[in-house]
Amino acid sequence: MQKNWMKLGVSLLTLIMIIGVLAGCSTNSGNAGNVPLNDNGNSAVEKQEPAGQESAGDMQSIEAFPAVFIDGSGEEITIEEQPETIVSLLASNTEIAYALGLGEKIIGVSDFCNYPTAVEEKEKLGGQDMNVERILELQPDMALVSQFHYNSHADILETFRMAGIDVVVAGDAKSFEDAYETIRMFGQATGTLDKAEVIVANMKERLAEVVQRTKDVSEPKRIWVEVSPAPDIFTTGQNTFLHEMIETINAVNVAGDQTGWVKMTEEEIVTLMPDVIVTTYGYYVDNPADGVYAREGWANIPAVLNEQIYDVDSDKVTRPGPRLIDGVEELARVIYPEQFTP
C-alpha cells in the first residue's frame, strides 16, 4: 500500500500548483504518425472465486511485486504494487495492454489509439503533447508513455512521478525482438508476464510459419514500400521492423541500403525498378494505387506494368505491438499469393 499512501501524501495545494504551472502544456493535439492483436484478455470469462479467497493468478501477480526492470529510458524502474488504473499514451502501448488483458484497468488513451474497438469508450488524453492537467486529475497508478515523451517532456514525466504515478517508457522499437521485449516489459510492470510470454511465443510461432511458406521462393521479389504519398514520399530502410518484415518473407527491400525512415524522390525511386509496390496510407488517401499509376515516368516500372500495387493496413506494419505478425502475414500474401493458396 506504499504507493497509495504516496498519492494521499500529495497535498491538494501541491497538485493545484503543478497543474497551474503545466496548464500551458496541456493539449489534445498530437502526431498521427504513430501507427495493431486481439483483445483476448477482455473476451474471456473470468472464473469467480469465493469471497475472501484469491485465485492462483492473483497470487502470482502479488508475488511479482515489487517488479524491478530497465525500461525504454535505460533507467531501472521499480513498481511496488500491481497497477489498478492505467493511462496509455501511445497506440502500440495500448494494443499491448489490451492483449495482456488490462483493458478494464485503462482509464485513458492517446488521441490516436483505435484498436481494439473498446478504446473508443476511453477518454482521450492527447498525443505527443499530453493533456497533463487531466492526467493529474485522473491520478492513474501507471502511465505507459513513449520514447518521444521521455526525450521531449522529461519535466512532465517527473511531475507524474511526484504525484505517485509509475511511469513506464516504451523504447523506440526497430525490430521484432524490440517489440517482444516491450511486451515482456509491460507484462512485468503489470503483473501479467505469463500472458506476455504466451503472446510472444504465439507471434514467433506464426512468424515461423510465414518463413516456412516463403523460404523456397526461387526468385525473391523486389519491393518498394511507401509509408506516405507524393510529394513527400517516405520509405523504410534498415533498422526498422518493416524492413525486417520484407527480409523475413524472403523478399528484397529496394531501399535496403538506406537506414531508418527516409524520404526519396520519384526520380530516385524509378531507378530501383521494384516488382511490387506496397503503400500504407490507404486509410487517409482514396485509391492510393491510382495515384502511383498516374505518376509521370513510372510506366515502365515492373510493378506498374504488371499492376502489382497493393495497400496494406498501416497500423499492422508500423506499430510495434502484437499485431505486427498480422502485418507480416498480410505482406506475404500480397507479395507471394501463390505461397498461401490452399
Protein backbone atom coordinates (compact mmCIF):
# COMPACT_ATOMS: atom_id res chain seq x y z
CA MET A 1 0.00 0.00 0.00
CA GLN A 2 3.07 2.24 -0.04
CA LYS A 3 2.18 3.85 -3.38
CA ASN A 4 -1.37 4.60 -2.27
CA TRP A 5 -0.01 6.43 0.79
CA MET A 6 2.32 8.33 -1.52
CA LYS A 7 -0.63 9.50 -3.57
CA LEU A 8 -2.54 10.57 -0.49
CA GLY A 9 0.56 12.40 0.68
CA VAL A 10 0.49 14.73 -2.32
CA SER A 11 -1.44 17.66 -0.98
CA LEU A 12 -4.25 19.32 -2.89
CA LEU A 13 -2.29 22.56 -2.84
CA THR A 14 0.72 20.89 -4.46
CA LEU A 15 -1.39 19.42 -7.23
CA ILE A 16 -3.05 22.77 -7.86
CA MET A 17 0.37 24.38 -8.19
CA ILE A 18 1.60 21.64 -10.53
CA ILE A 19 -1.48 21.91 -12.70
CA GLY A 20 -1.15 25.68 -12.82
CA VAL A 21 2.45 25.54 -13.98
CA LEU A 22 1.76 22.93 -16.65
CA ALA A 23 -1.59 24.26 -17.85
CA GLY A 24 0.08 25.77 -20.87
CA CYS A 25 1.43 22.35 -21.83
CA SER A 26 -2.00 20.71 -21.75
CA THR A 27 -3.31 19.92 -25.18
CA ASN A 28 -5.20 17.26 -27.06
CA SER A 29 -3.18 17.54 -30.24
CA GLY A 30 -0.57 15.05 -31.41
CA ASN A 31 1.18 13.47 -34.32
CA ALA A 32 -0.77 10.78 -36.17
CA GLY A 33 2.48 9.27 -37.40
CA ASN A 34 2.47 6.75 -34.64
CA VAL A 35 0.84 3.99 -36.05
CA PRO A 36 -2.01 -3.28 -34.05
CA LEU A 37 -3.64 -8.17 -31.54
CA ASN A 38 -6.72 -9.48 -30.28
CA ASP A 39 -8.34 -8.29 -27.09
CA ASN A 40 -8.12 -11.78 -25.63
CA GLY A 41 -7.94 -10.59 -22.06
CA ASN A 42 -11.34 -8.92 -22.16
CA SER A 43 -13.18 -11.55 -24.15
CA ALA A 44 -12.58 -14.39 -21.74
CA VAL A 45 -14.99 -15.05 -18.88
CA GLU A 46 -13.02 -14.95 -15.67
CA LYS A 47 -13.56 -17.65 -13.09
CA GLN A 48 -15.21 -16.23 -9.98
CA GLU A 49 -13.52 -17.10 -6.70
CA PRO A 50 -15.40 -17.38 -3.40
CA ALA A 51 -15.35 -14.23 -1.30
CA GLY A 52 -12.17 -13.84 0.71
CA GLN A 53 -10.15 -16.21 -1.48
CA GLU A 54 -7.51 -15.33 -4.07
CA SER A 55 -7.05 -17.18 -7.35
CA ALA A 56 -3.72 -18.68 -8.35
CA GLY A 57 -3.38 -15.90 -10.93
CA ASP A 58 -3.91 -13.25 -8.24
CA MET A 59 -1.27 -14.86 -6.07
CA GLN A 60 1.20 -14.93 -8.96
CA SER A 61 0.53 -11.23 -9.60
CA ILE A 62 1.09 -10.37 -5.95
CA GLU A 63 4.32 -12.33 -5.84
CA ALA A 64 5.54 -10.46 -8.95
CA PHE A 65 5.92 -7.25 -6.94
CA PRO A 66 7.95 -5.28 -6.36
CA ALA A 67 8.91 -5.51 -10.05
CA VAL A 68 12.34 -4.21 -10.99
CA PHE A 69 13.41 -3.81 -14.63
CA ILE A 70 15.06 -1.47 -17.15
CA ASP A 71 12.52 0.37 -19.30
CA GLY A 72 12.94 2.17 -22.62
CA SER A 73 14.59 5.13 -20.92
CA GLY A 74 17.53 2.92 -19.96
CA GLU A 75 16.82 3.54 -16.28
CA GLU A 76 15.99 1.00 -13.60
CA ILE A 77 12.32 1.13 -12.67
CA THR A 78 10.73 -0.28 -9.53
CA ILE A 79 6.97 -0.91 -9.41
CA GLU A 80 5.93 -1.56 -5.83
CA GLU A 81 2.35 -2.73 -6.47
CA GLN A 82 0.24 -4.04 -9.30
CA PRO A 83 -1.50 -1.08 -11.00
CA GLU A 84 -5.27 -0.86 -10.84
CA THR A 85 -5.63 2.14 -13.17
CA ILE A 86 -3.54 2.88 -16.27
CA VAL A 87 -3.28 5.60 -18.90
CA SER A 88 -1.64 4.66 -22.20
CA LEU A 89 -0.27 7.49 -24.34
CA LEU A 90 0.89 5.58 -27.42
CA ALA A 91 -1.22 3.44 -29.75
CA SER A 92 1.12 0.46 -29.71
CA ASN A 93 1.30 0.60 -25.90
CA THR A 94 -2.49 0.47 -25.75
CA GLU A 95 -2.65 -2.54 -28.05
CA ILE A 96 -0.12 -4.37 -25.91
CA ALA A 97 -2.03 -3.53 -22.74
CA TYR A 98 -5.29 -4.84 -24.15
CA ALA A 99 -3.60 -8.01 -25.36
CA LEU A 100 -2.35 -8.51 -21.81
CA GLY A 101 -5.95 -8.36 -20.58
CA LEU A 102 -5.64 -4.92 -18.99
CA GLY A 103 -8.49 -3.25 -20.85
CA GLU A 104 -10.66 -2.78 -17.77
CA LYS A 105 -7.80 -1.01 -15.99
CA ILE A 106 -7.22 1.53 -18.75
CA ILE A 107 -8.89 4.86 -17.92
CA GLY A 108 -7.39 7.00 -20.69
CA VAL A 109 -5.60 6.65 -24.03
CA SER A 110 -3.90 8.77 -26.67
CA ASP A 111 -5.88 10.56 -29.37
CA PHE A 112 -4.64 8.04 -31.94
CA CYS A 113 -5.49 4.80 -30.15
CA ASN A 114 -8.03 2.99 -32.32
CA TYR A 115 -7.62 -0.70 -31.55
CA PRO A 116 -9.33 -2.68 -30.21
CA THR A 117 -12.73 -1.03 -30.67
CA ALA A 118 -13.15 -0.86 -26.88
CA VAL A 119 -10.73 2.10 -26.82
CA GLU A 120 -13.44 4.24 -28.40
CA GLU A 121 -15.06 4.38 -24.97
CA LYS A 122 -11.89 5.54 -23.24
CA GLU A 123 -11.09 9.17 -22.52
CA LYS A 124 -8.66 10.77 -24.97
CA LEU A 125 -5.64 12.39 -23.34
CA GLY A 126 -3.66 13.91 -26.20
CA GLY A 127 -0.84 12.55 -28.30
CA GLN A 128 2.80 13.62 -28.33
CA ASP A 129 1.58 16.62 -26.36
CA MET A 130 -0.25 15.19 -23.36
CA ASN A 131 -3.24 16.64 -21.56
CA VAL A 132 -1.20 16.96 -18.38
CA GLU A 133 -3.86 18.59 -16.23
CA ARG A 134 -6.42 15.89 -16.98
CA ILE A 135 -3.95 13.06 -16.38
CA LEU A 136 -3.11 14.51 -12.97
CA GLU A 137 -6.83 14.80 -12.20
CA LEU A 138 -7.36 11.12 -13.10
CA GLN A 139 -4.44 10.08 -10.85
CA PRO A 140 -3.73 6.73 -12.56
CA ASP A 141 -1.43 4.23 -10.90
CA MET A 142 0.64 3.92 -14.08
CA ALA A 143 1.34 5.84 -17.29
CA LEU A 144 2.62 3.98 -20.35
CA VAL A 145 4.49 6.54 -22.44
CA SER A 146 6.79 6.73 -25.46
CA GLN A 147 10.43 7.49 -26.08
CA PHE A 148 9.30 10.80 -27.53
CA HIS A 149 7.64 11.74 -24.26
CA TYR A 150 10.79 10.80 -22.38
CA ASN A 151 13.03 12.84 -24.69
CA SER A 152 10.78 15.88 -25.05
CA HIS A 153 8.71 16.06 -21.86
CA ALA A 154 11.00 14.79 -19.11
CA ASP A 155 9.75 17.52 -16.75
CA ILE A 156 6.16 16.41 -17.18
CA LEU A 157 7.04 12.77 -16.56
CA GLU A 158 8.82 13.80 -13.38
CA THR A 159 5.65 15.65 -12.34
CA PHE A 160 3.72 12.42 -12.83
CA ARG A 161 6.20 10.59 -10.61
CA MET A 162 5.91 13.29 -7.94
CA ALA A 163 2.16 12.71 -7.99
CA GLY A 164 2.68 9.00 -7.29
CA ILE A 165 2.19 7.78 -10.86
CA ASP A 166 4.51 4.99 -12.05
CA VAL A 167 5.91 5.99 -15.46
CA VAL A 168 6.97 3.22 -17.85
CA VAL A 169 8.71 4.23 -21.09
CA ALA A 170 8.45 2.10 -24.23
CA GLY A 171 11.66 2.34 -26.23
CA ASP A 172 11.77 3.03 -29.97
CA ALA A 173 11.31 -0.42 -31.49
CA LYS A 174 13.44 -1.14 -34.54
CA SER A 175 12.93 -4.90 -34.76
CA PHE A 176 10.65 -7.74 -33.81
CA GLU A 177 12.93 -8.52 -30.89
CA ASP A 178 12.46 -4.95 -29.64
CA ALA A 179 8.69 -5.42 -29.82
CA TYR A 180 8.93 -8.72 -27.93
CA GLU A 181 10.95 -7.03 -25.18
CA THR A 182 8.40 -4.23 -24.82
CA ILE A 183 5.58 -6.75 -24.48
CA ARG A 184 7.54 -8.62 -21.80
CA MET A 185 8.40 -5.36 -20.01
CA PHE A 186 4.75 -4.29 -19.85
CA GLY A 187 3.89 -7.76 -18.60
CA GLN A 188 6.44 -7.45 -15.82
CA ALA A 189 5.29 -3.93 -14.92
CA THR A 190 1.64 -5.00 -14.63
CA GLY A 191 1.93 -8.49 -13.15
CA THR A 192 0.97 -10.18 -16.44
CA LEU A 193 4.34 -11.57 -17.52
CA ASP A 194 2.88 -15.06 -18.07
CA LYS A 195 0.42 -13.63 -20.60
CA ALA A 196 3.21 -11.64 -22.23
CA GLU A 197 5.26 -14.79 -22.75
CA VAL A 198 2.27 -16.52 -24.33
CA ILE A 199 1.77 -13.59 -26.72
CA VAL A 200 5.43 -13.55 -27.73
CA ALA A 201 5.51 -17.33 -28.21
CA ASN A 202 2.42 -17.11 -30.43
CA MET A 203 3.95 -14.32 -32.51
CA LYS A 204 7.14 -16.33 -33.01
CA GLU A 205 5.21 -19.44 -33.98
CA ARG A 206 3.17 -17.59 -36.59
CA LEU A 207 6.27 -15.86 -37.91
CA ALA A 208 7.99 -19.21 -38.33
CA GLU A 209 5.02 -20.43 -40.37
CA VAL A 210 5.34 -17.49 -42.76
CA VAL A 211 9.09 -18.12 -43.09
CA GLN A 212 8.41 -21.76 -43.86
CA ARG A 213 5.93 -20.86 -46.62
CA THR A 214 8.24 -18.37 -48.34
CA LYS A 215 11.73 -19.81 -47.80
CA ASP A 216 11.77 -21.77 -51.05
CA VAL A 217 10.85 -18.84 -53.32
CA SER A 218 13.38 -19.15 -56.14
CA GLU A 219 13.25 -15.55 -57.34
CA PRO A 220 12.75 -13.13 -54.43
CA LYS A 221 10.66 -10.14 -55.45
CA ARG A 222 11.96 -6.60 -55.18
CA ILE A 223 9.69 -4.48 -53.01
CA TRP A 224 9.21 -0.73 -52.76
CA VAL A 225 7.25 0.46 -49.70
CA GLU A 226 5.65 3.90 -49.39
CA VAL A 227 4.61 4.99 -45.91
CA SER A 228 3.48 8.41 -47.17
CA PRO A 229 2.22 9.62 -50.58
CA ALA A 230 3.72 12.07 -53.06
CA PRO A 231 5.13 14.65 -53.00
CA ASP A 232 6.81 13.76 -49.68
CA ILE A 233 7.43 10.05 -50.19
CA PHE A 234 8.95 8.25 -47.22
CA THR A 235 10.04 4.63 -47.20
CA THR A 236 11.58 2.12 -44.83
CA GLY A 237 15.25 1.25 -44.62
CA GLN A 238 17.44 -0.82 -42.31
CA ASN A 239 16.83 -0.79 -38.56
CA THR A 240 13.05 -0.77 -38.92
CA PHE A 241 10.69 -3.65 -38.32
CA LEU A 242 9.05 -3.08 -41.73
CA HIS A 243 12.41 -3.74 -43.39
CA GLU A 244 12.76 -6.83 -41.20
CA MET A 245 9.32 -8.00 -42.35
CA ILE A 246 10.35 -7.77 -46.01
CA GLU A 247 13.53 -9.74 -45.42
CA THR A 248 11.71 -12.29 -43.27
CA ILE A 249 9.36 -13.23 -46.11
CA ASN A 250 12.29 -13.78 -48.49
CA ALA A 251 11.82 -10.56 -50.45
CA VAL A 252 14.21 -7.67 -51.18
CA ASN A 253 13.70 -4.14 -49.94
CA VAL A 254 14.89 -1.96 -52.85
CA ALA A 255 15.59 0.80 -50.31
CA GLY A 256 17.55 -1.58 -48.10
CA ASP A 257 20.73 0.45 -48.48
CA GLN A 258 19.01 3.27 -46.59
CA THR A 259 18.67 3.47 -42.80
CA GLY A 260 15.55 4.26 -40.83
CA TRP A 261 12.55 6.08 -42.28
CA VAL A 262 13.85 8.06 -45.26
CA LYS A 263 12.49 10.45 -47.86
CA MET A 264 13.17 9.74 -51.55
CA THR A 265 12.18 11.47 -54.79
CA GLU A 266 10.10 9.97 -57.59
CA GLU A 267 13.15 10.16 -59.86
CA GLU A 268 15.25 8.16 -57.39
CA ILE A 269 12.55 5.55 -56.94
CA VAL A 270 12.14 4.91 -60.67
CA THR A 271 15.73 3.69 -60.92
CA LEU A 272 15.04 0.99 -58.29
CA MET A 273 12.62 -0.89 -60.60
CA PRO A 274 10.58 -2.76 -57.96
CA ASP A 275 8.46 -5.80 -58.81
CA VAL A 276 5.85 -4.89 -56.20
CA ILE A 277 4.86 -1.54 -54.71
CA VAL A 278 3.28 -1.53 -51.27
CA THR A 279 1.54 1.54 -49.86
CA THR A 280 0.44 2.00 -46.25
CA TYR A 281 -1.66 5.16 -46.45
CA GLY A 282 -4.99 3.88 -47.78
CA TYR A 283 -6.64 4.86 -44.52
CA TYR A 284 -6.46 8.54 -45.48
CA VAL A 285 -5.86 8.54 -49.27
CA ASP A 286 -8.58 7.10 -51.51
CA ASN A 287 -7.35 4.54 -54.04
CA PRO A 288 -3.61 5.02 -53.42
CA ALA A 289 -2.72 2.71 -56.32
CA ASP A 290 -4.37 5.11 -58.78
CA GLY A 291 -2.03 7.87 -57.62
CA VAL A 292 1.00 5.67 -58.20
CA TYR A 293 -0.15 4.56 -61.66
CA ALA A 294 -0.63 8.21 -62.65
CA ARG A 295 2.93 9.29 -61.86
CA GLU A 296 4.86 10.62 -64.81
CA GLY A 297 7.76 8.42 -65.88
CA TRP A 298 6.67 5.37 -63.85
CA ALA A 299 5.00 3.42 -66.68
CA ASN A 300 7.95 1.06 -67.24
CA ILE A 301 8.47 0.09 -63.62
CA PRO A 302 7.68 -3.69 -63.40
CA ALA A 303 5.21 -3.17 -60.54
CA VAL A 304 3.28 -0.64 -62.63
CA LEU A 305 3.47 -2.65 -65.85
CA ASN A 306 2.18 -5.79 -64.11
CA GLU A 307 -0.30 -3.97 -61.85
CA GLN A 308 1.38 -5.15 -58.69
CA ILE A 309 0.49 -2.26 -56.36
CA TYR A 310 -1.16 -3.06 -53.04
CA ASP A 311 -2.19 -1.15 -49.95
CA VAL A 312 -1.76 -2.80 -46.55
CA ASP A 313 -3.03 -1.84 -43.11
CA SER A 314 -0.66 0.83 -41.83
CA ASP A 315 -1.29 0.02 -38.17
CA LYS A 316 -0.26 -3.60 -38.62
CA VAL A 317 3.09 -2.85 -40.24
CA THR A 318 4.13 0.27 -38.34
CA ARG A 319 3.05 -0.28 -34.72
CA PRO A 320 5.46 -2.36 -32.63
CA GLY A 321 2.79 -4.40 -30.89
CA PRO A 322 1.24 -7.86 -31.03
CA ARG A 323 -0.37 -7.25 -34.43
CA LEU A 324 3.00 -6.93 -36.17
CA ILE A 325 2.64 -10.59 -37.13
CA ASP A 326 -0.67 -9.75 -38.82
CA GLY A 327 1.31 -7.25 -40.86
CA VAL A 328 3.89 -9.84 -41.86
CA GLU A 329 1.15 -12.23 -42.96
CA GLU A 330 -0.61 -9.52 -44.95
CA LEU A 331 2.59 -8.50 -46.71
CA ALA A 332 3.48 -12.10 -47.51
CA ARG A 333 0.05 -12.79 -49.02
CA VAL A 334 0.11 -9.79 -51.38
CA ILE A 335 3.74 -10.34 -52.42
CA TYR A 336 3.66 -14.14 -52.73
CA PRO A 337 -0.03 -15.08 -53.07
CA GLU A 338 0.86 -18.40 -54.66
CA GLN A 339 2.57 -19.50 -51.45
CA PHE A 340 -0.64 -19.09 -49.48
CA THR A 341 -3.21 -20.74 -51.73
CA PRO A 342 -4.95 -23.76 -50.16
